[in-house]
Amino acid sequence: MTRTNRRLDPASLARNTASTSFASLGFEGLQDVCRLSSNRHPPARTMAREERDGFPIVYSETRAQRLDIPDDVCVVCEEQTCPVVDQIHLPGDDVAWFTPNLYPITYPHEEAGAESRGIHLVHWSSLRHDKGLGGSDRATATALLQHLARAEEFLLHHAPSDFPDRGEGHRGHVGIVKNRGHLVGGSVQHDHQQVMLSAAVPSEPPRIAGLAHRLLDETPEELIIDCTDGAATTLVPSFMRRPLQTFIVPHGDETGWLHHMEPSALEALAVALAQLTAITDTVMTERWGEPAWNLILHTGPGTGPLIEMRPFTQPLGGFEHLGLYLCEELPATSAGRLREALG
């Protein structure tokens, strides 16, 4: 069977299932599965802080091993992942599921004072190796984003009581990212997203407050790529740092979290996300030879939900380390490329 035709056998998935839902497993049960799955690769308990910018730094020497996976090996198709802790059925007799991350950035250390405490999960998008979120149909994209929202809600509402109080019954911080390509940390090619609960709040969320409104109000028409269902605009920012950098901005949504979004707003966001990942793959493959990008879902009070695509379309130059950026393409040029790919 060729790599593109691979499909994980549902019976194999069932044999590797600890629980089909977070609710039945419980937070303590989830922590236990994470400890059992990744106890050989936990991060150091103590974190550092960058003195200039204040962001937290986690240390994990074993995590470097995850990049040694050969291109012709798929740990999902070859049944080498951690146990399932939650799953849903998708259209077309497909499945999406969560597992612990084998090389976690945060870990359920039993010591209350461990700074890198948390949960790090992988969200697998499909049984098929050649399927996933990018370019998926409306029903599938919506189901996948709803599944991520369910994980976000469970983690925020069940985090330990000593995690920072974020209001409205939320504790700690939940981040959602998607990596595509080895150049940006995508060590597994089978389509997936990552969800992480952390006691330490990353430095980025406070900087995003109010950005969604400014993007919608101030972005000129030439930088707009698409408006999905009249409820989510995909655009290139006028402050584009790298070619193809984009945002998806829900309209008038200040919920902060995925699981607080209205169903129609979440659906529009999901469809826009499936489109953006597909057209970014297309443009990057045509111009740069392969897709390589990081996708970040900015969440939290006052920040969104707001989706940002950060493609690896240029290496970082020397002067950029001083804070002076150079971008090798105009924002309008990138927007035109992406509109053409969408059309």
Protein backbone atom coordinates (compact mmCIF):
# COMPACT_ATOMS: atom_id res chain seq x y z
CA MET A 1 0.00 0.00 0.00
CA THR A 2 1.39 3.41 -0.95
CA ARG A 3 1.82 6.05 1.70
CA THR A 4 -1.01 8.21 0.30
CA ASN A 5 -3.41 5.24 0.39
CA ARG A 6 -2.67 4.27 3.98
CA ARG A 7 -5.52 4.06 6.44
CA LEU A 8 -5.44 3.08 10.09
CA ASP A 9 -7.70 0.10 10.77
CA PRO A 10 -10.53 1.18 13.11
CA ALA A 11 -10.16 -2.14 14.94
CA SER A 12 -6.53 -1.27 15.70
CA LEU A 13 -7.65 2.12 16.99
CA ALA A 14 -10.20 0.44 19.23
CA ARG A 15 -7.54 -1.85 20.70
CA ASN A 16 -5.45 1.20 21.56
CA THR A 17 -8.26 3.12 23.29
CA ALA A 18 -8.15 4.11 26.94
CA SER A 19 -11.39 6.09 26.68
CA THR A 20 -13.75 7.34 24.00
CA SER A 21 -14.54 10.56 25.89
CA PHE A 22 -12.86 12.98 28.27
CA ALA A 23 -15.97 12.97 30.43
CA SER A 24 -15.86 9.25 31.13
CA LEU A 25 -12.09 9.27 31.64
CA GLY A 26 -12.06 12.29 33.98
CA PHE A 27 -9.19 14.71 34.46
CA GLU A 28 -7.34 12.47 36.92
CA GLY A 29 -7.69 9.57 34.49
CA LEU A 30 -6.38 11.75 31.66
CA GLN A 31 -3.35 12.69 33.75
CA ASP A 32 -2.71 9.03 34.50
CA VAL A 33 -2.79 8.06 30.81
CA CYS A 34 -0.45 10.95 29.97
CA ARG A 35 2.00 9.91 32.70
CA LEU A 36 1.96 6.31 31.58
CA SER A 37 2.34 7.23 27.89
CA SER A 38 5.16 9.77 28.09
CA ASN A 39 6.97 9.13 31.37
CA ARG A 40 10.20 8.53 29.42
CA HIS A 41 10.12 11.99 27.86
CA PRO A 42 8.84 14.54 30.41
CA PRO A 43 10.15 18.11 30.25
CA ALA A 44 12.25 19.51 33.07
CA ARG A 45 10.07 20.57 35.99
CA THR A 46 11.64 24.02 36.25
CA MET A 47 11.12 26.66 33.57
CA ALA A 48 13.12 29.80 32.77
CA ARG A 49 11.96 33.28 31.76
CA GLU A 50 13.51 35.32 28.98
CA GLU A 51 14.56 38.50 30.75
CA ARG A 52 13.96 40.82 27.78
CA ASP A 53 10.53 39.60 26.65
CA GLY A 54 9.37 37.61 29.67
CA PHE A 55 8.27 34.49 27.81
CA PRO A 56 8.55 31.10 29.56
CA ILE A 57 11.15 28.58 28.36
CA VAL A 58 10.63 24.83 28.81
CA TYR A 59 13.61 22.45 28.61
CA SER A 60 13.24 18.92 27.21
CA GLU A 61 16.33 17.19 25.85
CA THR A 62 14.48 14.03 24.83
CA ARG A 63 12.02 15.99 22.66
CA ALA A 64 14.76 16.40 20.04
CA GLN A 65 14.40 12.67 19.32
CA ARG A 66 10.99 13.15 17.77
CA LEU A 67 12.58 14.59 14.59
CA ASP A 68 14.34 11.31 13.80
CA ILE A 69 11.26 9.70 12.20
CA PRO A 70 12.03 8.67 8.57
CA ASP A 71 9.84 10.20 5.86
CA ASP A 72 8.48 6.79 4.83
CA VAL A 73 7.32 5.92 8.38
CA CYS A 74 3.93 7.00 9.73
CA VAL A 75 3.54 6.30 13.44
CA VAL A 76 -0.24 6.61 13.10
CA CYS A 77 -0.72 4.19 10.21
CA GLU A 78 1.75 1.79 11.81
CA GLU A 79 -0.12 1.87 15.14
CA GLN A 80 2.67 3.42 17.21
CA THR A 81 0.80 6.27 18.91
CA CYS A 82 -0.22 6.74 22.53
CA PRO A 83 -3.68 5.49 23.62
CA VAL A 84 -6.87 7.23 22.55
CA VAL A 85 -8.41 9.42 25.28
CA ASP A 86 -11.33 10.92 23.30
CA GLN A 87 -12.78 10.41 19.82
CA ILE A 88 -15.59 11.37 17.47
CA HIS A 89 -16.97 9.89 14.26
CA LEU A 90 -16.66 12.02 11.14
CA PRO A 91 -18.59 11.99 7.84
CA GLY A 92 -17.49 9.31 5.40
CA ASP A 93 -16.90 6.59 7.99
CA ASP A 94 -13.91 8.42 9.40
CA VAL A 95 -12.72 9.15 12.94
CA ALA A 96 -10.84 11.92 14.77
CA TRP A 97 -9.23 11.27 18.13
CA PHE A 98 -6.97 12.62 20.85
CA THR A 99 -3.90 10.95 22.31
CA PRO A 100 -1.25 12.14 24.76
CA ASN A 101 1.83 13.61 23.11
CA LEU A 102 4.74 11.17 23.41
CA TYR A 103 7.18 14.08 23.74
CA PRO A 104 5.18 16.61 25.77
CA ILE A 105 6.05 20.25 26.36
CA THR A 106 3.90 20.26 29.50
CA TYR A 107 3.47 17.18 31.67
CA PRO A 108 1.29 16.21 34.67
CA HIS A 109 4.13 16.32 37.18
CA GLU A 110 2.82 15.21 40.54
CA GLU A 111 4.71 17.97 42.37
CA ALA A 112 2.41 20.94 42.84
CA GLY A 113 5.25 23.42 42.34
CA ALA A 114 6.48 22.07 38.99
CA GLU A 115 6.40 24.99 36.59
CA SER A 116 5.97 22.90 33.42
CA ARG A 117 2.83 21.17 34.72
CA GLY A 118 0.00 20.61 32.29
CA ILE A 119 -1.39 18.32 29.60
CA HIS A 120 -0.13 18.04 26.00
CA LEU A 121 -2.40 16.23 23.52
CA VAL A 122 -2.34 15.43 19.82
CA HIS A 123 -5.55 15.64 17.79
CA TRP A 124 -5.48 13.25 14.82
CA SER A 125 -7.78 14.42 11.99
CA SER A 126 -8.46 11.24 10.03
CA LEU A 127 -7.87 7.51 9.76
CA ARG A 128 -6.63 8.21 6.22
CA HIS A 129 -3.03 9.31 5.75
CA ASP A 130 -3.94 11.58 2.83
CA LYS A 131 -6.93 13.24 4.50
CA GLY A 132 -7.34 15.78 7.27
CA LEU A 133 -8.39 19.34 7.99
CA GLY A 134 -6.90 21.02 4.91
CA GLY A 135 -9.45 21.19 2.10
CA SER A 136 -12.01 19.17 4.05
CA ASP A 137 -15.74 19.59 3.41
CA ARG A 138 -17.89 21.83 5.58
CA ALA A 139 -19.28 19.06 7.80
CA THR A 140 -15.86 17.51 8.45
CA ALA A 141 -14.11 20.81 9.13
CA THR A 142 -16.86 21.85 11.53
CA ALA A 143 -16.77 18.52 13.38
CA LEU A 144 -12.98 18.78 13.78
CA LEU A 145 -13.15 22.31 15.19
CA GLN A 146 -16.00 21.31 17.50
CA HIS A 147 -13.82 18.45 18.75
CA LEU A 148 -10.99 20.87 19.50
CA ALA A 149 -13.46 23.13 21.29
CA ARG A 150 -14.57 20.21 23.46
CA ALA A 151 -10.99 19.50 24.49
CA GLU A 152 -10.41 23.18 25.23
CA GLU A 153 -13.50 23.32 27.43
CA PHE A 154 -12.63 20.14 29.33
CA LEU A 155 -9.06 21.21 30.06
CA LEU A 156 -9.90 24.77 31.09
CA HIS A 157 -12.72 23.64 33.38
CA HIS A 158 -10.87 20.75 35.00
CA ALA A 159 -7.35 22.13 35.42
CA PRO A 160 -6.03 21.86 39.00
CA SER A 161 -7.27 24.48 41.43
CA ASP A 162 -3.79 25.98 41.82
CA PHE A 163 -3.57 26.82 38.10
CA PRO A 164 -4.07 30.57 37.39
CA ASP A 165 -7.73 31.63 37.48
CA ARG A 166 -8.73 33.01 34.04
CA GLY A 167 -12.31 33.83 34.98
CA GLU A 168 -15.65 32.20 34.05
CA GLY A 169 -14.54 28.91 35.59
CA HIS A 170 -11.39 28.64 33.47
CA ARG A 171 -7.98 27.81 34.92
CA GLY A 172 -4.61 27.79 33.21
CA HIS A 173 -4.10 28.44 29.52
CA VAL A 174 -5.06 26.20 26.60
CA GLY A 175 -3.18 26.70 23.35
CA ILE A 176 -4.05 25.11 20.00
CA VAL A 177 -1.52 24.93 17.14
CA LYS A 178 -0.98 23.09 13.87
CA ASN A 179 2.44 22.49 12.28
CA ARG A 180 3.02 21.48 8.67
CA GLY A 181 6.45 20.33 7.53
CA HIS A 182 9.75 19.35 9.14
CA LEU A 183 11.12 22.89 8.78
CA VAL A 184 8.65 24.18 11.36
CA GLY A 185 8.55 21.26 13.80
CA GLY A 186 6.03 18.99 12.07
CA SER A 187 7.68 15.68 12.92
CA VAL A 188 4.68 13.51 11.89
CA GLN A 189 3.12 13.82 8.43
CA HIS A 190 -0.25 12.27 9.34
CA ASP A 191 -2.58 15.26 9.70
CA HIS A 192 -2.89 16.50 13.27
CA GLN A 193 -3.28 19.46 15.60
CA GLN A 194 -1.85 19.94 19.09
CA VAL A 195 -3.65 21.09 22.23
CA MET A 196 -1.80 22.04 25.38
CA LEU A 197 -2.92 23.00 28.88
CA SER A 198 -0.28 24.98 30.72
CA ALA A 199 -0.01 26.49 34.18
CA ALA A 200 2.25 29.15 32.66
CA VAL A 201 0.52 31.58 30.33
CA PRO A 202 2.59 32.22 27.15
CA SER A 203 3.68 35.79 26.46
CA GLU A 204 1.77 36.14 23.17
CA PRO A 205 -1.93 36.26 24.27
CA PRO A 206 -1.79 39.63 26.08
CA ARG A 207 -0.29 41.20 22.96
CA ILE A 208 -3.22 40.09 20.78
CA ALA A 209 -5.96 41.88 22.74
CA GLY A 210 -8.01 44.06 20.39
CA LEU A 211 -6.16 42.92 17.26
CA ALA A 212 -9.21 41.24 15.67
CA HIS A 213 -11.17 44.52 15.65
CA ARG A 214 -8.26 46.47 14.21
CA LEU A 215 -7.74 43.91 11.45
CA LEU A 216 -11.39 44.05 10.41
CA ASP A 217 -11.58 47.84 10.60
CA GLU A 218 -8.26 48.79 9.04
CA THR A 219 -7.38 46.12 6.43
CA PRO A 220 -7.88 47.47 2.88
CA GLU A 221 -9.93 45.52 0.36
CA GLU A 222 -6.87 44.52 -1.66
CA LEU A 223 -5.62 42.45 1.31
CA ILE A 224 -8.91 40.55 1.82
CA ILE A 225 -8.79 36.96 0.56
CA ASP A 226 -12.29 35.74 1.40
CA CYS A 227 -15.27 36.26 3.68
CA THR A 228 -16.84 32.93 4.71
CA ASP A 229 -20.60 32.95 5.36
CA GLY A 230 -20.33 36.69 6.02
CA ALA A 231 -18.96 35.73 9.43
CA ALA A 232 -15.19 35.08 9.13
CA THR A 233 -12.75 37.12 7.05
CA THR A 234 -9.45 35.71 5.82
CA LEU A 235 -6.90 38.45 5.18
CA VAL A 236 -3.25 39.35 4.83
CA PRO A 237 -2.21 41.93 7.45
CA SER A 238 -0.66 45.19 6.32
CA PHE A 239 2.17 44.39 8.78
CA MET A 240 2.95 41.07 7.06
CA ARG A 241 6.38 39.87 8.25
CA ARG A 242 6.67 36.92 5.86
CA PRO A 243 5.04 36.17 2.49
CA LEU A 244 1.63 34.46 2.90
CA GLN A 245 1.19 35.41 6.58
CA THR A 246 -2.58 35.51 7.11
CA PHE A 247 -5.31 35.83 9.73
CA ILE A 248 -8.85 34.48 9.96
CA VAL A 249 -10.98 36.93 11.93
CA PRO A 250 -14.48 36.02 13.16
CA HIS A 251 -16.90 38.94 12.96
CA GLY A 252 -18.02 40.50 16.22
CA ASP A 253 -16.93 37.53 18.30
CA GLU A 254 -15.40 38.36 21.66
CA THR A 255 -16.02 35.03 23.36
CA GLY A 256 -12.32 34.44 23.91
CA TRP A 257 -12.60 30.67 23.60
CA LEU A 258 -13.67 28.22 20.90
CA HIS A 259 -16.16 26.48 23.17
CA HIS A 260 -18.02 29.76 23.78
CA MET A 261 -18.62 30.47 20.08
CA GLU A 262 -22.07 30.31 18.56
CA PRO A 263 -22.44 27.22 16.31
CA SER A 264 -22.80 29.25 13.11
CA ALA A 265 -19.72 31.36 13.92
CA LEU A 266 -17.66 28.27 14.71
CA GLU A 267 -18.80 26.66 11.44
CA ALA A 268 -17.71 29.70 9.43
CA LEU A 269 -14.35 29.68 11.20
CA ALA A 270 -13.92 25.97 10.45
CA VAL A 271 -14.69 26.35 6.74
CA ALA A 272 -12.31 29.31 6.45
CA LEU A 273 -9.62 27.30 8.23
CA ALA A 274 -9.99 24.31 5.89
CA GLN A 275 -9.74 26.64 2.90
CA LEU A 276 -6.73 28.58 4.18
CA THR A 277 -4.65 25.51 4.99
CA ALA A 278 -5.38 24.06 1.55
CA ILE A 279 -4.53 27.19 -0.46
CA THR A 280 -1.40 27.86 1.61
CA ASP A 281 -0.24 24.32 0.79
CA THR A 282 -0.94 24.97 -2.90
CA VAL A 283 0.92 28.29 -3.10
CA MET A 284 3.89 27.10 -1.03
CA THR A 285 4.27 23.93 -3.08
CA GLU A 286 4.20 25.88 -6.35
CA ARG A 287 6.64 28.58 -5.27
CA TRP A 288 8.76 27.07 -2.48
CA GLY A 289 8.57 23.36 -3.29
CA GLU A 290 6.85 22.17 -0.12
CA PRO A 291 4.45 23.41 2.55
CA ALA A 292 6.02 24.59 5.80
CA TRP A 293 3.89 26.61 8.19
CA ASN A 294 2.70 27.06 11.75
CA LEU A 295 -0.92 27.83 12.49
CA ILE A 296 -1.82 29.37 15.85
CA LEU A 297 -5.27 29.71 17.36
CA HIS A 298 -5.14 32.77 19.61
CA THR A 299 -7.64 32.38 22.45
CA GLY A 300 -8.30 33.90 25.84
CA PRO A 301 -10.13 36.94 27.19
CA GLY A 302 -10.13 39.75 24.64
CA THR A 303 -8.02 37.92 22.06
CA GLY A 304 -10.38 36.13 19.73
CA PRO A 305 -10.68 33.34 18.82
CA LEU A 306 -8.29 34.55 16.14
CA ILE A 307 -6.42 32.25 13.75
CA GLU A 308 -2.98 33.19 12.44
CA MET A 309 -1.01 31.44 9.70
CA ARG A 310 2.78 31.88 9.89
CA PRO A 311 4.45 30.28 6.83
CA PHE A 312 8.17 29.56 6.65
CA THR A 313 8.74 31.45 3.41
CA GLN A 314 11.99 33.17 4.43
CA PRO A 315 14.77 32.32 6.88
CA LEU A 316 15.42 34.77 9.69
CA GLY A 317 18.05 37.33 8.76
CA GLY A 318 20.73 38.81 10.98
CA PHE A 319 19.25 42.30 11.35
CA GLU A 320 15.88 40.74 12.12
CA HIS A 321 17.38 39.52 15.38
CA LEU A 322 17.77 43.21 16.22
CA GLY A 323 14.08 43.75 15.55
CA LEU A 324 14.28 45.15 12.01
CA TYR A 325 12.33 42.85 9.70
CA LEU A 326 12.63 42.46 5.95
CA CYS A 327 9.86 40.83 3.92
CA GLU A 328 10.56 39.75 0.35
CA GLU A 329 7.00 40.25 -0.90
CA LEU A 330 4.39 42.98 -0.61
CA PRO A 331 1.19 42.12 1.32
CA ALA A 332 -0.94 42.78 -1.78
CA THR A 333 1.14 40.29 -3.79
CA SER A 334 0.63 37.55 -1.19
CA ALA A 335 -3.09 38.30 -1.01
CA GLY A 336 -3.33 38.02 -4.79
CA ARG A 337 -1.56 34.65 -4.80
CA LEU A 338 -3.91 33.25 -2.17
CA ARG A 339 -7.06 34.62 -3.86
CA GLU A 340 -5.95 32.99 -7.12
CA ALA A 341 -5.40 29.65 -5.36
CA LEU A 342 -8.82 29.90 -3.71
CA GLY A 343 -10.50 30.70 -7.02
